[in-house]
Amino acid sequence: MSDTVVDRPMRVLFVCTGNSARSIMAEALLRKHGGDDFEVFSAGTEPRGVNPLTIRVLEEAGLPTAGLQSKSVNEFLGSHFDHVITMCDEARQSCPVFPGSHESLHWGYEDPAEATGTDEERLAVFRHVFTQIGLRTNEFATIARRFHATAPSGRG
């Protein structure tokens, strides 16, 4: 489809507080849904390490987990992104400003890492959030491709 061909990968940064669950899920999911049209990263304002249940839901979905690690947004200061997407209210309030022309979006999701209960109950919360993020990243990939392909040359 020629209306969705992009001339360079769109750079996307997902940000949440701990970079342990939501933003890691979004990174893996957009890599799947977006393919070569996207260069995807994730980071946290206070990185805590990747939650083992995050790895479990990604592996259950057949998504690669090698190389996924919790990173600080400070590692990306000075980098250009087409889209910076915060995944929680805390990150939206404390996320640094990134240079250049880009779109800032906010996708607020509950933090599955804060779930309580049995292991199965906690895992159910992770799966629920994963499913929500999966639907959104799929829609985002489709819309962003169309927008990027038709954007003026200074933007796309």
N, C-alpha and C. Protein backbone atom coordinates (compact mmCIF):
# COMPACT_ATOMS: atom_id res chain seq x y z
N MET A 1 0.84 -1.18 0.00
CA MET A 1 0.00 0.00 0.00
C MET A 1 0.88 1.23 0.00
N SER A 2 0.86 1.94 -1.08
CA SER A 2 1.78 3.07 -1.22
C SER A 2 1.47 4.20 -0.26
N ASP A 3 0.21 4.31 0.24
CA ASP A 3 -0.10 5.41 1.14
C ASP A 3 0.45 5.19 2.54
N THR A 4 1.01 4.02 2.82
CA THR A 4 1.57 3.78 4.15
C THR A 4 3.05 3.48 4.12
N VAL A 5 3.73 3.75 3.03
CA VAL A 5 5.17 3.53 2.95
C VAL A 5 5.88 4.74 3.56
N VAL A 6 6.84 4.49 4.40
CA VAL A 6 7.57 5.58 5.03
C VAL A 6 9.00 5.58 4.51
N ASP A 7 9.61 6.79 4.47
CA ASP A 7 10.95 6.91 3.90
C ASP A 7 12.05 6.65 4.93
N ARG A 8 11.72 6.71 6.19
CA ARG A 8 12.68 6.40 7.25
C ARG A 8 11.89 5.92 8.45
N PRO A 9 12.49 5.12 9.31
CA PRO A 9 11.75 4.66 10.48
C PRO A 9 11.35 5.82 11.39
N MET A 10 10.15 5.75 11.90
CA MET A 10 9.69 6.72 12.90
C MET A 10 10.29 6.32 14.23
N ARG A 11 10.82 7.30 14.94
CA ARG A 11 11.44 7.04 16.23
C ARG A 11 10.41 7.32 17.33
N VAL A 12 10.17 6.31 18.16
CA VAL A 12 9.16 6.40 19.22
C VAL A 12 9.81 6.04 20.55
N LEU A 13 9.52 6.87 21.56
CA LEU A 13 9.99 6.60 22.92
C LEU A 13 8.78 6.48 23.83
N PHE A 14 8.66 5.32 24.51
CA PHE A 14 7.63 5.10 25.52
C PHE A 14 8.26 5.36 26.89
N VAL A 15 7.56 6.15 27.71
CA VAL A 15 8.10 6.51 29.03
C VAL A 15 7.09 6.20 30.12
N CYS A 16 7.54 5.54 31.17
CA CYS A 16 6.75 5.39 32.39
C CYS A 16 7.69 5.58 33.57
N THR A 17 7.20 5.42 34.74
CA THR A 17 8.04 5.70 35.90
C THR A 17 9.17 4.68 36.04
N GLY A 18 8.84 3.41 36.19
CA GLY A 18 9.85 2.40 36.48
C GLY A 18 10.47 1.72 35.28
N ASN A 19 9.85 1.86 34.09
CA ASN A 19 10.32 1.14 32.90
C ASN A 19 10.46 -0.34 33.22
N SER A 20 9.44 -0.85 33.95
CA SER A 20 9.48 -2.25 34.35
C SER A 20 8.35 -3.07 33.73
N ALA A 21 7.29 -2.40 33.25
CA ALA A 21 6.16 -3.15 32.73
C ALA A 21 5.53 -2.46 31.52
N ARG A 22 4.75 -1.40 31.74
CA ARG A 22 3.97 -0.78 30.66
C ARG A 22 4.81 -0.34 29.48
N SER A 23 5.85 0.43 29.72
CA SER A 23 6.65 0.94 28.60
C SER A 23 7.44 -0.18 27.91
N ILE A 24 7.86 -1.18 28.68
CA ILE A 24 8.55 -2.34 28.09
C ILE A 24 7.58 -3.10 27.19
N MET A 25 6.34 -3.31 27.67
CA MET A 25 5.33 -3.98 26.86
C MET A 25 5.08 -3.20 25.57
N ALA A 26 4.92 -1.89 25.70
CA ALA A 26 4.65 -1.04 24.53
C ALA A 26 5.80 -1.12 23.53
N GLU A 27 7.03 -1.10 24.03
CA GLU A 27 8.20 -1.20 23.16
C GLU A 27 8.15 -2.50 22.35
N ALA A 28 7.93 -3.61 23.04
CA ALA A 28 7.91 -4.92 22.36
C ALA A 28 6.73 -5.02 21.39
N LEU A 29 5.59 -4.51 21.79
CA LEU A 29 4.40 -4.59 20.95
C LEU A 29 4.51 -3.71 19.70
N LEU A 30 5.03 -2.49 19.85
CA LEU A 30 5.17 -1.64 18.66
C LEU A 30 6.23 -2.20 17.72
N ARG A 31 7.25 -2.82 18.24
CA ARG A 31 8.22 -3.47 17.36
C ARG A 31 7.53 -4.54 16.53
N LYS A 32 6.61 -5.28 17.16
CA LYS A 32 5.86 -6.32 16.43
C LYS A 32 4.90 -5.68 15.43
N HIS A 33 4.06 -4.76 15.88
CA HIS A 33 3.03 -4.18 15.02
C HIS A 33 3.61 -3.23 13.98
N GLY A 34 4.71 -2.57 14.32
CA GLY A 34 5.26 -1.55 13.43
C GLY A 34 6.33 -2.03 12.49
N GLY A 35 6.99 -3.11 12.86
CA GLY A 35 8.04 -3.64 12.01
C GLY A 35 9.14 -2.63 11.73
N ASP A 36 9.64 -2.65 10.50
CA ASP A 36 10.76 -1.80 10.11
C ASP A 36 10.39 -0.32 9.97
N ASP A 37 9.09 -0.01 10.05
CA ASP A 37 8.67 1.38 9.93
C ASP A 37 8.93 2.18 11.22
N PHE A 38 9.29 1.48 12.29
CA PHE A 38 9.48 2.14 13.58
C PHE A 38 10.81 1.75 14.21
N GLU A 39 11.42 2.71 14.87
CA GLU A 39 12.58 2.48 15.73
C GLU A 39 12.08 2.80 17.13
N VAL A 40 11.98 1.78 17.98
CA VAL A 40 11.24 1.91 19.23
C VAL A 40 12.15 1.76 20.45
N PHE A 41 11.91 2.62 21.43
CA PHE A 41 12.68 2.64 22.67
C PHE A 41 11.72 2.80 23.85
N SER A 42 12.19 2.46 25.03
CA SER A 42 11.42 2.73 26.25
C SER A 42 12.39 3.16 27.33
N ALA A 43 11.84 3.92 28.29
CA ALA A 43 12.67 4.40 29.39
C ALA A 43 11.77 4.75 30.57
N GLY A 44 12.40 4.94 31.72
CA GLY A 44 11.67 5.32 32.92
C GLY A 44 12.25 6.55 33.57
N THR A 45 11.41 7.28 34.26
CA THR A 45 11.90 8.44 35.01
C THR A 45 12.64 7.99 36.26
N GLU A 46 12.31 6.79 36.76
CA GLU A 46 12.99 6.16 37.89
C GLU A 46 13.08 4.67 37.62
N PRO A 47 13.96 4.24 36.70
CA PRO A 47 14.00 2.84 36.28
C PRO A 47 14.25 1.88 37.44
N ARG A 48 13.51 0.74 37.41
CA ARG A 48 13.56 -0.23 38.51
C ARG A 48 13.97 -1.63 38.08
N GLY A 49 14.20 -1.84 36.81
CA GLY A 49 14.45 -3.20 36.34
C GLY A 49 13.17 -3.79 35.78
N VAL A 50 13.29 -4.69 34.82
CA VAL A 50 12.12 -5.28 34.17
C VAL A 50 11.48 -6.30 35.12
N ASN A 51 10.18 -6.16 35.31
CA ASN A 51 9.42 -7.07 36.17
C ASN A 51 9.37 -8.45 35.51
N PRO A 52 9.61 -9.51 36.26
CA PRO A 52 9.56 -10.87 35.68
C PRO A 52 8.21 -11.21 35.05
N LEU A 53 7.13 -10.65 35.58
CA LEU A 53 5.82 -10.93 34.98
C LEU A 53 5.66 -10.24 33.63
N THR A 54 6.37 -9.15 33.41
CA THR A 54 6.39 -8.52 32.09
C THR A 54 7.01 -9.47 31.09
N ILE A 55 8.15 -10.03 31.46
CA ILE A 55 8.82 -11.00 30.58
C ILE A 55 7.91 -12.19 30.31
N ARG A 56 7.21 -12.64 31.33
CA ARG A 56 6.34 -13.81 31.18
C ARG A 56 5.22 -13.53 30.16
N VAL A 57 4.54 -12.38 30.26
CA VAL A 57 3.44 -12.12 29.32
C VAL A 57 3.96 -11.90 27.90
N LEU A 58 5.13 -11.29 27.77
CA LEU A 58 5.72 -11.12 26.44
C LEU A 58 6.06 -12.48 25.83
N GLU A 59 6.65 -13.36 26.63
CA GLU A 59 7.00 -14.69 26.13
C GLU A 59 5.75 -15.50 25.80
N GLU A 60 4.70 -15.38 26.62
CA GLU A 60 3.44 -16.07 26.33
C GLU A 60 2.88 -15.64 24.98
N ALA A 61 3.10 -14.38 24.63
CA ALA A 61 2.61 -13.84 23.35
C ALA A 61 3.57 -14.12 22.20
N GLY A 62 4.69 -14.76 22.50
CA GLY A 62 5.66 -15.08 21.45
C GLY A 62 6.52 -13.91 21.02
N LEU A 63 6.61 -12.89 21.87
CA LEU A 63 7.43 -11.72 21.54
C LEU A 63 8.84 -11.88 22.08
N PRO A 64 9.84 -11.42 21.34
CA PRO A 64 11.22 -11.54 21.82
C PRO A 64 11.45 -10.65 23.05
N THR A 65 12.22 -11.16 23.98
CA THR A 65 12.53 -10.40 25.20
C THR A 65 14.02 -10.13 25.35
N ALA A 66 14.82 -10.72 24.49
CA ALA A 66 16.27 -10.50 24.57
C ALA A 66 16.56 -9.02 24.35
N GLY A 67 17.39 -8.47 25.20
CA GLY A 67 17.80 -7.08 25.07
C GLY A 67 16.87 -6.09 25.75
N LEU A 68 15.71 -6.53 26.21
CA LEU A 68 14.82 -5.60 26.91
C LEU A 68 15.39 -5.34 28.29
N GLN A 69 15.58 -4.07 28.58
CA GLN A 69 16.12 -3.71 29.89
C GLN A 69 15.57 -2.36 30.32
N SER A 70 15.55 -2.15 31.61
CA SER A 70 15.08 -0.90 32.17
C SER A 70 16.14 0.18 31.97
N LYS A 71 15.72 1.31 31.39
CA LYS A 71 16.66 2.40 31.10
C LYS A 71 16.11 3.71 31.63
N SER A 72 16.98 4.67 31.86
CA SER A 72 16.59 5.99 32.32
C SER A 72 16.32 6.90 31.13
N VAL A 73 15.32 7.79 31.28
CA VAL A 73 15.08 8.77 30.22
C VAL A 73 16.32 9.63 29.98
N ASN A 74 17.16 9.77 30.99
CA ASN A 74 18.37 10.57 30.84
C ASN A 74 19.28 10.04 29.74
N GLU A 75 19.21 8.73 29.46
CA GLU A 75 20.01 8.14 28.38
C GLU A 75 19.60 8.68 27.01
N PHE A 76 18.40 9.23 26.91
CA PHE A 76 17.87 9.66 25.63
C PHE A 76 17.80 11.18 25.47
N LEU A 77 18.23 11.91 26.48
CA LEU A 77 18.22 13.37 26.38
C LEU A 77 19.09 13.80 25.20
N GLY A 78 18.60 14.70 24.42
CA GLY A 78 19.33 15.15 23.23
C GLY A 78 19.01 14.33 21.99
N SER A 79 18.26 13.24 22.14
CA SER A 79 17.87 12.42 20.99
C SER A 79 16.59 12.96 20.37
N HIS A 80 16.44 12.74 19.08
CA HIS A 80 15.22 13.16 18.37
C HIS A 80 14.24 11.99 18.31
N PHE A 81 12.97 12.30 18.56
CA PHE A 81 11.90 11.30 18.43
C PHE A 81 10.74 11.92 17.67
N ASP A 82 10.06 11.11 16.88
CA ASP A 82 8.85 11.57 16.21
C ASP A 82 7.67 11.57 17.16
N HIS A 83 7.68 10.63 18.10
CA HIS A 83 6.61 10.50 19.08
C HIS A 83 7.22 10.14 20.44
N VAL A 84 6.81 10.87 21.46
CA VAL A 84 7.16 10.53 22.84
C VAL A 84 5.84 10.25 23.54
N ILE A 85 5.69 9.02 24.05
CA ILE A 85 4.41 8.59 24.62
C ILE A 85 4.61 8.22 26.09
N THR A 86 3.94 8.96 26.96
CA THR A 86 3.99 8.63 28.38
C THR A 86 2.90 7.61 28.68
N MET A 87 3.20 6.68 29.57
CA MET A 87 2.31 5.57 29.87
C MET A 87 1.63 5.69 31.23
N CYS A 88 1.97 6.74 31.99
CA CYS A 88 1.36 6.94 33.30
C CYS A 88 1.40 8.42 33.65
N ASP A 89 0.53 8.82 34.56
CA ASP A 89 0.45 10.23 34.94
C ASP A 89 1.75 10.74 35.55
N GLU A 90 2.41 9.92 36.35
CA GLU A 90 3.66 10.34 36.99
C GLU A 90 4.71 10.67 35.94
N ALA A 91 4.82 9.84 34.93
CA ALA A 91 5.81 10.07 33.88
C ALA A 91 5.45 11.32 33.07
N ARG A 92 4.17 11.52 32.84
CA ARG A 92 3.75 12.71 32.08
C ARG A 92 4.17 13.98 32.80
N GLN A 93 4.09 13.97 34.13
CA GLN A 93 4.45 15.15 34.90
C GLN A 93 5.95 15.37 35.01
N SER A 94 6.72 14.29 34.99
CA SER A 94 8.16 14.45 35.21
C SER A 94 9.03 14.13 33.99
N CYS A 95 8.41 13.83 32.86
CA CYS A 95 9.18 13.52 31.65
C CYS A 95 9.89 14.76 31.15
N PRO A 96 11.18 14.66 30.85
CA PRO A 96 11.90 15.82 30.32
C PRO A 96 11.40 16.16 28.92
N VAL A 97 11.71 17.36 28.49
CA VAL A 97 11.36 17.81 27.15
C VAL A 97 12.44 17.33 26.19
N PHE A 98 11.99 16.74 25.08
CA PHE A 98 12.92 16.28 24.06
C PHE A 98 12.95 17.28 22.92
N PRO A 99 14.13 17.50 22.33
CA PRO A 99 14.26 18.54 21.30
C PRO A 99 13.59 18.15 20.00
N GLY A 100 13.37 19.16 19.17
CA GLY A 100 12.87 18.92 17.82
C GLY A 100 11.36 18.85 17.75
N SER A 101 10.91 18.65 16.55
CA SER A 101 9.48 18.57 16.27
C SER A 101 9.02 17.14 16.49
N HIS A 102 8.13 16.95 17.44
CA HIS A 102 7.58 15.62 17.68
C HIS A 102 6.22 15.75 18.33
N GLU A 103 5.53 14.65 18.35
CA GLU A 103 4.21 14.62 18.97
C GLU A 103 4.33 13.95 20.33
N SER A 104 3.83 14.63 21.35
CA SER A 104 3.79 14.06 22.69
C SER A 104 2.38 13.52 22.92
N LEU A 105 2.30 12.26 23.31
CA LEU A 105 1.03 11.61 23.58
C LEU A 105 1.03 11.06 24.99
N HIS A 106 -0.16 10.87 25.54
CA HIS A 106 -0.27 10.26 26.86
C HIS A 106 -1.26 9.11 26.79
N TRP A 107 -0.79 7.93 27.16
CA TRP A 107 -1.64 6.75 27.26
C TRP A 107 -1.58 6.29 28.71
N GLY A 108 -2.56 6.61 29.49
CA GLY A 108 -2.54 6.25 30.91
C GLY A 108 -3.06 4.84 31.15
N TYR A 109 -2.24 4.02 31.75
CA TYR A 109 -2.62 2.65 32.12
C TYR A 109 -2.27 2.40 33.57
N GLU A 110 -3.06 1.54 34.21
CA GLU A 110 -2.73 1.15 35.58
C GLU A 110 -1.38 0.44 35.57
N ASP A 111 -0.68 0.54 36.68
CA ASP A 111 0.64 -0.09 36.77
C ASP A 111 0.46 -1.53 37.23
N PRO A 112 0.68 -2.50 36.35
CA PRO A 112 0.51 -3.89 36.76
C PRO A 112 1.51 -4.30 37.83
N ALA A 113 2.64 -3.62 37.90
CA ALA A 113 3.65 -3.94 38.92
C ALA A 113 3.13 -3.65 40.32
N GLU A 114 2.09 -2.83 40.43
CA GLU A 114 1.49 -2.52 41.73
C GLU A 114 0.38 -3.48 42.11
N ALA A 115 0.07 -4.43 41.25
CA ALA A 115 -1.01 -5.39 41.53
C ALA A 115 -0.68 -6.23 42.75
N THR A 116 -1.71 -6.55 43.50
CA THR A 116 -1.55 -7.39 44.69
C THR A 116 -2.37 -8.66 44.50
N GLY A 117 -2.20 -9.59 45.41
CA GLY A 117 -2.95 -10.84 45.36
C GLY A 117 -2.03 -12.01 45.09
N THR A 118 -2.64 -13.10 44.67
CA THR A 118 -1.87 -14.30 44.36
C THR A 118 -1.08 -14.06 43.08
N ASP A 119 -0.15 -14.96 42.80
CA ASP A 119 0.62 -14.85 41.56
C ASP A 119 -0.31 -14.85 40.34
N GLU A 120 -1.34 -15.70 40.36
CA GLU A 120 -2.27 -15.76 39.23
C GLU A 120 -3.08 -14.48 39.10
N GLU A 121 -3.47 -13.89 40.22
CA GLU A 121 -4.21 -12.62 40.18
C GLU A 121 -3.33 -11.49 39.64
N ARG A 122 -2.10 -11.47 40.07
CA ARG A 122 -1.17 -10.45 39.57
C ARG A 122 -0.91 -10.66 38.08
N LEU A 123 -0.72 -11.90 37.68
CA LEU A 123 -0.48 -12.21 36.27
C LEU A 123 -1.68 -11.80 35.41
N ALA A 124 -2.89 -11.96 35.94
CA ALA A 124 -4.09 -11.56 35.21
C ALA A 124 -4.08 -10.05 34.95
N VAL A 125 -3.61 -9.26 35.91
CA VAL A 125 -3.52 -7.81 35.72
C VAL A 125 -2.50 -7.49 34.63
N PHE A 126 -1.36 -8.16 34.66
CA PHE A 126 -0.34 -7.96 33.62
C PHE A 126 -0.90 -8.29 32.24
N ARG A 127 -1.63 -9.41 32.15
CA ARG A 127 -2.21 -9.81 30.86
C ARG A 127 -3.24 -8.79 30.38
N HIS A 128 -4.05 -8.27 31.30
CA HIS A 128 -5.06 -7.28 30.93
C HIS A 128 -4.41 -6.01 30.39
N VAL A 129 -3.42 -5.49 31.08
CA VAL A 129 -2.73 -4.28 30.63
C VAL A 129 -2.02 -4.55 29.31
N PHE A 130 -1.40 -5.70 29.18
CA PHE A 130 -0.73 -6.08 27.94
C PHE A 130 -1.71 -6.06 26.76
N THR A 131 -2.90 -6.61 26.96
CA THR A 131 -3.91 -6.64 25.91
C THR A 131 -4.34 -5.22 25.52
N GLN A 132 -4.56 -4.36 26.52
CA GLN A 132 -4.94 -2.97 26.24
C GLN A 132 -3.85 -2.26 25.44
N ILE A 133 -2.61 -2.41 25.86
CA ILE A 133 -1.49 -1.76 25.16
C ILE A 133 -1.34 -2.33 23.75
N GLY A 134 -1.57 -3.63 23.61
CA GLY A 134 -1.48 -4.26 22.29
C GLY A 134 -2.47 -3.68 21.30
N LEU A 135 -3.70 -3.47 21.74
CA LEU A 135 -4.71 -2.89 20.87
C LEU A 135 -4.31 -1.47 20.47
N ARG A 136 -3.81 -0.72 21.43
CA ARG A 136 -3.47 0.68 21.16
C ARG A 136 -2.25 0.80 20.26
N THR A 137 -1.23 -0.04 20.48
CA THR A 137 -0.04 0.05 19.63
C THR A 137 -0.36 -0.36 18.20
N ASN A 138 -1.26 -1.30 18.02
CA ASN A 138 -1.66 -1.71 16.68
C ASN A 138 -2.34 -0.55 15.95
N GLU A 139 -3.28 0.11 16.63
CA GLU A 139 -3.96 1.28 16.04
C GLU A 139 -2.96 2.41 15.78
N PHE A 140 -2.08 2.64 16.74
CA PHE A 140 -1.08 3.70 16.60
C PHE A 140 -0.20 3.46 15.38
N ALA A 141 0.26 2.22 15.19
CA ALA A 141 1.14 1.91 14.06
C ALA A 141 0.45 2.23 12.74
N THR A 142 -0.81 1.86 12.61
CA THR A 142 -1.56 2.12 11.38
C THR A 142 -1.70 3.61 11.13
N ILE A 143 -2.13 4.35 12.13
CA ILE A 143 -2.36 5.79 11.98
C ILE A 143 -1.05 6.53 11.76
N ALA A 144 -0.02 6.19 12.54
CA ALA A 144 1.26 6.89 12.41
C ALA A 144 1.88 6.67 11.04
N ARG A 145 1.75 5.47 10.50
CA ARG A 145 2.27 5.21 9.14
C ARG A 145 1.59 6.14 8.13
N ARG A 146 0.28 6.23 8.21
CA ARG A 146 -0.45 7.08 7.26
C ARG A 146 -0.04 8.53 7.40
N PHE A 147 0.04 9.00 8.64
CA PHE A 147 0.41 10.39 8.88
C PHE A 147 1.83 10.66 8.41
N HIS A 148 2.74 9.77 8.75
CA HIS A 148 4.16 9.95 8.41
C HIS A 148 4.35 9.95 6.90
N ALA A 149 3.62 9.08 6.20
CA ALA A 149 3.77 8.97 4.74
C ALA A 149 3.25 10.21 4.03
N THR A 150 2.29 10.92 4.64
CA THR A 150 1.69 12.07 3.98
C THR A 150 2.16 13.40 4.57
N ALA A 151 3.03 13.35 5.57
CA ALA A 151 3.50 14.58 6.22
C ALA A 151 4.42 15.37 5.30
N PRO A 152 4.46 16.69 5.47
CA PRO A 152 5.41 17.50 4.71
C PRO A 152 6.83 17.03 4.97
N SER A 153 7.72 17.27 4.06
CA SER A 153 9.08 16.73 4.14
C SER A 153 9.82 17.15 5.41
N GLY A 154 9.51 18.28 5.99
CA GLY A 154 10.17 18.69 7.23
C GLY A 154 9.76 17.84 8.40
N ARG A 155 8.61 17.18 8.31
CA ARG A 155 8.08 16.36 9.41
C ARG A 155 8.34 14.89 9.17
N GLY A 156 8.24 14.43 7.97
CA GLY A 156 8.34 13.01 7.68
C GLY A 156 9.56 12.67 7.04
